[in-house]
């Protein structure tokens, strides 16, 4: 079993987006992830949570992964699912955030 965790300041993600605009978003997230986050009144906690999820997932893999290789999509129930290079993975992920921080834990069995 492998475990990865990440925590980030939401303001850091917001500043990166405001500075680098769409270039930042498109480097880290795919179209579905961006669409999901920007449906929220404040997209930054969700963006930061997904960023943390991707960092945590990268930590559980021996092979090198890029942010663009990973997709985190919520089921209708709200539970996040992980796809690696377009294929559903067996990685379990939990994402949480407050007004200031977001965190995620990934478990690969």
N, C-alpha and C. Protein backbone atom coordinates (compact mmCIF):
# COMPACT_ATOMS: atom_id res chain seq x y z
N UNK A 1 0.84 -1.17 0.00
CA UNK A 1 0.00 0.00 0.00
C UNK A 1 0.89 1.24 0.00
N UNK A 2 0.49 2.22 -0.78
CA UNK A 2 1.21 3.49 -0.86
C UNK A 2 0.26 4.61 -0.46
N UNK A 3 0.78 5.59 0.26
CA UNK A 3 -0.04 6.73 0.70
C UNK A 3 0.67 8.02 0.33
N UNK A 4 -0.10 8.97 -0.20
CA UNK A 4 0.41 10.29 -0.50
C UNK A 4 -0.52 11.33 0.09
N UNK A 5 0.03 12.45 0.52
CA UNK A 5 -0.77 13.53 1.10
C UNK A 5 -0.19 14.87 0.65
N UNK A 6 -1.07 15.86 0.54
CA UNK A 6 -0.61 17.20 0.21
C UNK A 6 -1.55 18.21 0.87
N UNK A 7 -1.01 19.35 1.22
CA UNK A 7 -1.79 20.47 1.76
C UNK A 7 -1.26 21.74 1.11
N UNK A 8 -2.17 22.62 0.74
CA UNK A 8 -1.79 23.88 0.09
C UNK A 8 -2.64 25.03 0.61
N UNK A 9 -2.07 26.21 0.55
CA UNK A 9 -2.78 27.43 0.86
C UNK A 9 -3.61 27.81 -0.38
N UNK A 10 -4.89 27.97 -0.21
CA UNK A 10 -5.78 28.29 -1.34
C UNK A 10 -5.37 29.59 -2.02
N UNK A 11 -4.91 30.55 -1.24
CA UNK A 11 -4.50 31.85 -1.79
C UNK A 11 -3.34 31.68 -2.79
N UNK A 12 -2.47 30.71 -2.56
CA UNK A 12 -1.35 30.45 -3.48
C UNK A 12 -1.86 30.05 -4.87
N UNK A 13 -2.89 29.19 -4.91
CA UNK A 13 -3.47 28.76 -6.18
C UNK A 13 -4.17 29.94 -6.85
N UNK A 14 -4.88 30.73 -6.07
CA UNK A 14 -5.57 31.90 -6.61
C UNK A 14 -4.57 32.88 -7.23
N UNK A 15 -3.47 33.15 -6.54
CA UNK A 15 -2.45 34.07 -7.05
C UNK A 15 -1.82 33.53 -8.33
N UNK A 16 -1.57 32.22 -8.38
CA UNK A 16 -1.00 31.62 -9.59
C UNK A 16 -1.95 31.78 -10.77
N UNK A 17 -3.24 31.58 -10.53
CA UNK A 17 -4.23 31.75 -11.60
C UNK A 17 -4.30 33.20 -12.05
N UNK A 18 -4.35 34.12 -11.12
CA UNK A 18 -4.45 35.54 -11.48
C UNK A 18 -3.21 36.02 -12.22
N UNK A 19 -2.06 35.45 -11.89
CA UNK A 19 -0.82 35.85 -12.56
C UNK A 19 -0.68 35.21 -13.94
N UNK A 20 -0.91 33.91 -14.03
CA UNK A 20 -0.64 33.16 -15.27
C UNK A 20 -1.89 32.88 -16.10
N UNK A 21 -3.06 33.24 -15.58
CA UNK A 21 -4.35 33.10 -16.29
C UNK A 21 -4.60 31.66 -16.74
N UNK A 22 -5.10 31.53 -17.96
CA UNK A 22 -5.50 30.21 -18.49
C UNK A 22 -4.29 29.28 -18.65
N UNK A 23 -3.13 29.85 -18.84
CA UNK A 23 -1.93 29.03 -18.98
C UNK A 23 -1.72 28.15 -17.74
N UNK A 24 -1.92 28.74 -16.56
CA UNK A 24 -1.80 27.98 -15.32
C UNK A 24 -2.86 26.88 -15.25
N UNK A 25 -4.11 27.26 -15.47
CA UNK A 25 -5.20 26.29 -15.39
C UNK A 25 -4.99 25.13 -16.33
N UNK A 26 -4.66 25.42 -17.58
CA UNK A 26 -4.53 24.38 -18.60
C UNK A 26 -3.31 23.48 -18.39
N UNK A 27 -2.35 23.95 -17.64
CA UNK A 27 -1.17 23.14 -17.35
C UNK A 27 -1.46 22.11 -16.25
N UNK A 28 -2.36 22.46 -15.35
CA UNK A 28 -2.64 21.62 -14.19
C UNK A 28 -3.92 20.80 -14.34
N UNK A 29 -4.96 21.42 -14.90
CA UNK A 29 -6.30 20.82 -14.92
C UNK A 29 -6.78 20.57 -16.35
N UNK A 30 -7.72 19.64 -16.48
CA UNK A 30 -8.32 19.44 -17.80
C UNK A 30 -9.64 20.21 -17.86
N UNK A 31 -10.28 20.16 -19.00
CA UNK A 31 -11.50 20.94 -19.24
C UNK A 31 -12.63 20.59 -18.25
N UNK A 32 -12.82 19.30 -17.98
CA UNK A 32 -13.88 18.88 -17.05
C UNK A 32 -13.63 19.40 -15.64
N UNK A 33 -12.37 19.33 -15.21
CA UNK A 33 -12.03 19.79 -13.87
C UNK A 33 -12.24 21.31 -13.74
N UNK A 34 -11.82 22.04 -14.75
CA UNK A 34 -11.98 23.50 -14.74
C UNK A 34 -13.46 23.86 -14.72
N UNK A 35 -14.23 23.19 -15.56
CA UNK A 35 -15.67 23.45 -15.63
C UNK A 35 -16.34 23.18 -14.27
N UNK A 36 -16.00 22.06 -13.64
CA UNK A 36 -16.57 21.72 -12.33
C UNK A 36 -16.25 22.80 -11.30
N UNK A 37 -14.99 23.21 -11.22
CA UNK A 37 -14.57 24.18 -10.21
C UNK A 37 -15.20 25.56 -10.44
N UNK A 38 -15.30 25.97 -11.69
CA UNK A 38 -15.82 27.31 -11.97
C UNK A 38 -17.35 27.38 -11.94
N UNK A 39 -18.01 26.26 -11.67
CA UNK A 39 -19.45 26.30 -11.40
C UNK A 39 -19.71 26.76 -9.97
N UNK A 40 -18.68 26.72 -9.15
CA UNK A 40 -18.78 27.14 -7.75
C UNK A 40 -18.71 28.66 -7.67
N UNK A 41 -19.33 29.22 -6.62
CA UNK A 41 -19.25 30.66 -6.38
C UNK A 41 -17.80 31.11 -6.24
N UNK A 42 -17.03 30.34 -5.49
CA UNK A 42 -15.60 30.57 -5.34
C UNK A 42 -14.89 29.31 -5.83
N UNK A 43 -14.27 29.36 -7.00
CA UNK A 43 -13.65 28.15 -7.56
C UNK A 43 -12.33 27.74 -6.90
N UNK A 44 -11.72 28.65 -6.15
CA UNK A 44 -10.36 28.39 -5.68
C UNK A 44 -10.23 27.26 -4.65
N UNK A 45 -11.13 27.09 -3.70
CA UNK A 45 -11.00 25.91 -2.82
C UNK A 45 -11.07 24.59 -3.60
N UNK A 46 -11.94 24.52 -4.61
CA UNK A 46 -12.04 23.29 -5.41
C UNK A 46 -10.81 23.10 -6.29
N UNK A 47 -10.32 24.17 -6.89
CA UNK A 47 -9.09 24.07 -7.69
C UNK A 47 -7.93 23.61 -6.82
N UNK A 48 -7.81 24.21 -5.65
CA UNK A 48 -6.72 23.87 -4.75
C UNK A 48 -6.85 22.43 -4.27
N UNK A 49 -8.06 21.98 -3.98
CA UNK A 49 -8.28 20.60 -3.57
C UNK A 49 -7.85 19.61 -4.65
N UNK A 50 -8.17 19.92 -5.89
CA UNK A 50 -7.76 19.06 -6.99
C UNK A 50 -6.24 19.10 -7.21
N UNK A 51 -5.66 20.27 -7.03
CA UNK A 51 -4.21 20.39 -7.10
C UNK A 51 -3.57 19.48 -6.05
N UNK A 52 -4.08 19.55 -4.81
CA UNK A 52 -3.56 18.69 -3.73
C UNK A 52 -3.75 17.21 -4.06
N UNK A 53 -4.90 16.87 -4.62
CA UNK A 53 -5.16 15.48 -5.00
C UNK A 53 -4.13 14.99 -6.00
N UNK A 54 -3.84 15.82 -6.99
CA UNK A 54 -2.86 15.42 -8.01
C UNK A 54 -1.47 15.28 -7.40
N UNK A 55 -1.10 16.18 -6.51
CA UNK A 55 0.20 16.06 -5.83
C UNK A 55 0.26 14.78 -5.00
N UNK A 56 -0.81 14.47 -4.27
CA UNK A 56 -0.84 13.26 -3.46
C UNK A 56 -0.76 12.01 -4.33
N UNK A 57 -1.43 12.03 -5.47
CA UNK A 57 -1.40 10.89 -6.40
C UNK A 57 0.00 10.71 -6.97
N UNK A 58 0.64 11.78 -7.34
CA UNK A 58 2.00 11.71 -7.87
C UNK A 58 2.93 11.05 -6.84
N UNK A 59 2.71 11.33 -5.57
CA UNK A 59 3.55 10.78 -4.50
C UNK A 59 3.40 9.27 -4.33
N UNK A 60 2.28 8.68 -4.75
CA UNK A 60 2.10 7.24 -4.59
C UNK A 60 2.60 6.42 -5.78
N UNK A 61 3.04 7.08 -6.83
CA UNK A 61 3.50 6.37 -8.02
C UNK A 61 5.02 6.33 -8.08
N UNK A 62 5.55 5.18 -8.49
CA UNK A 62 6.98 5.06 -8.72
C UNK A 62 7.35 5.71 -10.05
N UNK A 63 6.48 5.55 -11.04
CA UNK A 63 6.71 6.13 -12.37
C UNK A 63 6.39 7.62 -12.31
N UNK A 64 7.02 8.37 -13.19
CA UNK A 64 6.79 9.81 -13.23
C UNK A 64 5.45 10.12 -13.89
N UNK A 65 4.65 10.91 -13.20
CA UNK A 65 3.37 11.37 -13.73
C UNK A 65 3.39 12.89 -13.80
N UNK A 66 2.64 13.41 -14.74
CA UNK A 66 2.45 14.86 -14.85
C UNK A 66 1.03 15.19 -14.44
N UNK A 67 0.81 16.43 -14.06
CA UNK A 67 -0.54 16.86 -13.68
C UNK A 67 -1.54 16.52 -14.77
N UNK A 68 -1.15 16.69 -16.01
CA UNK A 68 -2.06 16.45 -17.13
C UNK A 68 -2.39 14.97 -17.32
N UNK A 69 -1.62 14.06 -16.71
CA UNK A 69 -1.90 12.63 -16.77
C UNK A 69 -3.04 12.22 -15.83
N UNK A 70 -3.34 13.10 -14.87
CA UNK A 70 -4.28 12.77 -13.79
C UNK A 70 -5.55 13.59 -13.94
N UNK A 71 -6.69 12.91 -13.80
CA UNK A 71 -7.98 13.58 -13.82
C UNK A 71 -8.75 13.18 -12.57
N UNK A 72 -9.26 14.17 -11.85
CA UNK A 72 -10.06 13.93 -10.66
C UNK A 72 -11.46 14.47 -10.93
N UNK A 73 -12.41 13.55 -11.03
CA UNK A 73 -13.79 13.89 -11.37
C UNK A 73 -14.71 13.35 -10.27
N UNK A 74 -15.70 14.13 -9.91
CA UNK A 74 -16.65 13.67 -8.89
C UNK A 74 -17.78 12.86 -9.51
N UNK A 75 -18.13 11.77 -8.83
CA UNK A 75 -19.31 11.00 -9.20
C UNK A 75 -20.54 11.85 -8.85
N UNK A 76 -21.71 11.40 -9.27
CA UNK A 76 -22.95 12.09 -8.90
C UNK A 76 -23.11 12.18 -7.40
N UNK A 77 -22.60 11.19 -6.68
CA UNK A 77 -22.68 11.17 -5.22
C UNK A 77 -21.76 12.21 -4.58
N UNK A 78 -20.83 12.76 -5.36
CA UNK A 78 -19.88 13.73 -4.84
C UNK A 78 -18.51 13.13 -4.55
N UNK A 79 -18.43 11.81 -4.53
CA UNK A 79 -17.17 11.13 -4.25
C UNK A 79 -16.22 11.28 -5.45
N UNK A 80 -14.98 11.71 -5.19
CA UNK A 80 -14.04 11.87 -6.31
C UNK A 80 -13.49 10.54 -6.82
N UNK A 81 -13.33 10.47 -8.13
CA UNK A 81 -12.72 9.31 -8.80
C UNK A 81 -11.46 9.77 -9.50
N UNK A 82 -10.49 8.86 -9.59
CA UNK A 82 -9.21 9.19 -10.21
C UNK A 82 -9.05 8.43 -11.52
N UNK A 83 -8.65 9.15 -12.55
CA UNK A 83 -8.33 8.57 -13.85
C UNK A 83 -6.87 8.92 -14.16
N UNK A 84 -6.12 7.92 -14.57
CA UNK A 84 -4.72 8.11 -14.96
C UNK A 84 -4.62 7.86 -16.45
N UNK A 85 -4.18 8.86 -17.18
CA UNK A 85 -4.06 8.79 -18.64
C UNK A 85 -5.34 8.25 -19.28
N UNK A 86 -6.49 8.73 -18.77
CA UNK A 86 -7.79 8.39 -19.34
C UNK A 86 -8.42 7.10 -18.83
N UNK A 87 -7.71 6.34 -18.00
CA UNK A 87 -8.25 5.08 -17.50
C UNK A 87 -8.55 5.19 -16.01
N UNK A 88 -9.70 4.64 -15.61
CA UNK A 88 -10.08 4.65 -14.20
C UNK A 88 -9.02 3.90 -13.41
N UNK A 89 -8.60 4.49 -12.30
CA UNK A 89 -7.56 3.85 -11.48
C UNK A 89 -8.17 3.29 -10.20
N UNK A 90 -7.38 2.51 -9.49
CA UNK A 90 -7.82 1.95 -8.22
C UNK A 90 -7.39 2.82 -7.04
N UNK A 91 -6.94 4.02 -7.31
CA UNK A 91 -6.51 4.94 -6.26
C UNK A 91 -7.74 5.51 -5.55
N UNK A 92 -7.70 5.48 -4.24
CA UNK A 92 -8.75 6.09 -3.42
C UNK A 92 -8.26 7.48 -3.02
N UNK A 93 -9.13 8.45 -3.10
CA UNK A 93 -8.74 9.83 -2.83
C UNK A 93 -9.76 10.49 -1.91
N UNK A 94 -9.28 11.31 -1.02
CA UNK A 94 -10.14 12.13 -0.17
C UNK A 94 -9.63 13.56 -0.23
N UNK A 95 -10.54 14.49 -0.47
CA UNK A 95 -10.19 15.91 -0.61
C UNK A 95 -11.00 16.69 0.42
N UNK A 96 -10.35 17.66 1.07
CA UNK A 96 -11.04 18.50 2.05
C UNK A 96 -10.47 19.91 1.97
N UNK A 97 -11.27 20.88 2.39
CA UNK A 97 -10.75 22.25 2.46
C UNK A 97 -11.49 23.07 3.49
N UNK A 98 -10.78 24.10 3.96
CA UNK A 98 -11.37 25.13 4.80
C UNK A 98 -11.37 26.39 3.94
N UNK A 99 -11.58 27.54 4.53
CA UNK A 99 -11.51 28.79 3.76
C UNK A 99 -10.07 29.13 3.38
N UNK A 100 -9.10 28.61 4.12
CA UNK A 100 -7.70 28.96 3.89
C UNK A 100 -6.86 27.86 3.25
N UNK A 101 -7.12 26.61 3.59
CA UNK A 101 -6.29 25.51 3.11
C UNK A 101 -7.12 24.41 2.47
N UNK A 102 -6.46 23.67 1.57
CA UNK A 102 -7.04 22.46 0.99
C UNK A 102 -6.03 21.33 1.21
N UNK A 103 -6.56 20.13 1.31
CA UNK A 103 -5.70 18.97 1.51
C UNK A 103 -6.29 17.76 0.78
N UNK A 104 -5.45 16.80 0.50
CA UNK A 104 -5.92 15.57 -0.12
C UNK A 104 -5.00 14.42 0.30
N UNK A 105 -5.61 13.24 0.40
CA UNK A 105 -4.89 12.01 0.69
C UNK A 105 -5.21 11.02 -0.42
N UNK A 106 -4.18 10.35 -0.91
CA UNK A 106 -4.36 9.32 -1.94
C UNK A 106 -3.80 8.00 -1.42
N UNK A 107 -4.55 6.93 -1.65
CA UNK A 107 -4.11 5.59 -1.24
C UNK A 107 -4.16 4.68 -2.46
N UNK A 108 -3.04 4.02 -2.71
CA UNK A 108 -2.94 3.06 -3.80
C UNK A 108 -2.64 1.70 -3.18
N UNK A 109 -3.51 0.73 -3.49
CA UNK A 109 -3.31 -0.61 -2.92
C UNK A 109 -2.65 -1.55 -3.89
